[in-house]
Protein backbone atom coordinates (compact mmCIF):
# COMPACT_ATOMS: atom_id res chain seq x y z
CA MET A 1 28.84 -9.73 -12.00
CA ASN A 2 30.10 -7.50 -9.20
CA GLU A 3 28.37 -7.11 -5.83
CA ALA A 4 27.20 -3.57 -6.60
CA SER A 5 25.01 -4.80 -9.45
CA ILE A 6 23.20 -7.44 -7.37
CA SER A 7 19.70 -6.28 -6.55
CA THR A 8 18.28 -6.61 -3.06
CA GLU A 9 14.74 -6.09 -4.39
CA LYS A 10 12.34 -8.50 -2.68
CA ARG A 11 9.11 -7.50 -4.47
CA GLN A 12 7.56 -9.97 -6.87
CA SER A 13 5.72 -7.26 -8.81
CA PRO A 14 6.99 -3.79 -9.71
CA ARG A 15 5.45 -0.73 -8.09
CA VAL A 16 4.04 2.06 -10.25
CA LYS A 17 4.01 5.66 -9.07
CA THR A 18 0.41 6.69 -8.34
CA SER A 19 -1.54 9.12 -6.22
CA ILE A 20 -4.92 7.57 -5.51
CA PRO A 21 -7.09 7.79 -2.38
CA VAL A 22 -6.59 5.02 0.18
CA ARG A 23 -8.32 4.41 3.51
CA TYR A 24 -6.82 2.18 6.15
CA ARG A 25 -7.52 0.95 9.63
CA GLU A 26 -5.68 -1.42 11.91
CA LEU A 27 -6.99 -4.96 12.07
CA ARG A 28 -7.55 -5.67 15.75
CA ASP A 29 -9.31 -8.48 17.60
CA GLY A 30 -12.71 -7.29 18.77
CA ALA A 31 -11.99 -3.57 18.37
CA GLU A 32 -13.13 -1.56 15.38
CA ALA A 33 -10.53 1.10 14.62
CA VAL A 34 -11.46 4.34 12.89
CA GLY A 35 -10.42 4.55 9.24
CA VAL A 36 -7.85 7.11 8.17
CA GLY A 37 -7.59 8.64 4.69
CA SER A 38 -4.38 9.09 2.74
CA LEU A 39 -2.90 8.96 -0.77
CA THR A 40 -0.77 6.25 -2.32
CA SER A 41 2.76 6.97 -3.51
CA ASN A 42 2.95 3.76 -5.52
CA VAL A 43 0.94 0.61 -6.11
CA SER A 44 1.56 -2.91 -7.41
CA THR A 45 -0.46 -6.09 -7.53
CA GLY A 46 1.39 -7.13 -4.37
CA GLY A 47 1.10 -4.03 -2.19
CA LEU A 48 1.25 -0.27 -1.94
CA ARG A 49 3.01 2.67 -0.30
CA PHE A 50 1.16 5.52 1.37
CA GLY A 51 1.75 8.47 3.67
CA THR A 52 0.46 8.91 7.21
CA ASP A 53 0.93 11.12 10.25
CA GLN A 54 0.61 8.11 12.57
CA PHE A 55 3.37 5.67 13.43
CA ILE A 56 2.23 2.15 12.52
CA SER A 57 4.19 -0.83 13.83
CA THR A 58 5.49 -3.39 11.33
CA ALA A 59 3.72 -5.99 13.49
CA ARG A 60 0.35 -4.56 12.37
CA ARG A 61 -2.06 -5.75 9.76
CA LEU A 62 -4.21 -3.17 8.02
CA ILE A 63 -7.53 -3.25 6.25
CA LEU A 64 -7.10 -1.18 3.09
CA GLU A 65 -9.65 0.25 0.69
CA PHE A 66 -8.48 2.25 -2.29
CA ASP A 67 -10.20 3.83 -5.24
CA ILE A 68 -8.92 3.04 -8.68
CA PRO A 69 -10.16 5.56 -11.24
CA SER A 70 -12.91 4.16 -13.50
CA LEU A 71 -13.98 1.50 -10.97
CA THR A 72 -17.26 1.92 -9.13
CA GLN A 73 -16.25 -0.20 -6.12
CA PRO A 74 -13.09 0.22 -4.03
CA ILE A 75 -10.38 -2.43 -3.97
CA LYS A 76 -10.25 -4.10 -0.54
CA ALA A 77 -7.34 -5.98 0.98
CA VAL A 78 -5.76 -7.01 4.25
CA SER A 79 -2.10 -6.05 4.28
CA GLN A 80 0.94 -6.42 6.50
CA VAL A 81 3.05 -3.35 7.22
CA ALA A 82 6.40 -4.28 5.64
CA TRP A 83 8.26 -1.11 6.64
CA ILE A 84 7.73 2.42 7.91
CA GLN A 85 10.13 5.33 7.58
CA LYS A 86 10.18 8.96 8.60
CA ALA A 87 9.23 11.08 5.60
CA ASN A 88 11.52 13.78 4.28
CA GLY A 89 10.53 17.41 4.71
CA ALA A 90 9.01 17.60 1.21
CA ASP A 91 6.30 15.04 2.01
CA ASP A 92 2.80 15.97 3.15
CA TYR A 93 2.94 13.24 5.81
CA GLN A 94 5.28 12.42 8.72
CA TYR A 95 5.75 8.78 7.68
CA GLN A 96 5.78 6.64 4.56
CA VAL A 97 4.45 3.09 4.93
CA GLY A 98 5.07 0.11 2.69
CA SER A 99 2.43 -2.59 2.92
CA GLN A 100 2.18 -6.04 1.37
CA PHE A 101 -1.20 -7.53 0.48
CA MET A 102 -1.86 -10.66 2.53
CA GLU A 103 -5.53 -11.22 1.67
CA ILE A 104 -6.94 -9.92 -1.60
CA THR A 105 -9.21 -11.49 -4.19
CA ARG A 106 -7.75 -12.62 -7.49
CA LYS A 107 -10.30 -10.36 -9.21
CA ASP A 108 -9.08 -7.29 -7.29
CA GLN A 109 -5.45 -8.15 -8.09
CA GLU A 110 -6.38 -8.44 -11.78
CA LEU A 111 -8.16 -5.07 -11.64
CA ILE A 112 -5.05 -3.48 -10.10
CA GLY A 113 -2.86 -5.03 -12.82
CA LYS A 114 -5.18 -3.84 -15.57
CA TYR A 115 -5.16 -0.30 -14.16
CA LEU A 116 -1.36 -0.24 -13.84
CA ASN A 117 -0.85 -1.61 -17.36
CA GLY A 118 -3.00 1.23 -18.68
CA LEU A 119 -0.79 3.93 -17.13
């Protein structure tokens, strides 16, 4: 096997391209941040990618709520910003953010997996 074929992929679960509504706010001690709406670019049982016009530090944790079609309640999770990059000119947002779920119920992870398997 040559070096070019070695994957540097660190994700434990594959991401699936989606465009579903997501709301996020920074998790801060004692301060309630205002939620911001966006759309996902992709989702997995381990995290998601979304667009934003705000720079978010990779040191930040976010409270996420996103709406999976056919579910009556949003999925809720605490995530860690894994990376942020400047979006290309074709994007609707200035930045793309990759986030990893840190706190999510097993039930919500199963609901995400069921939704993604149905796509």
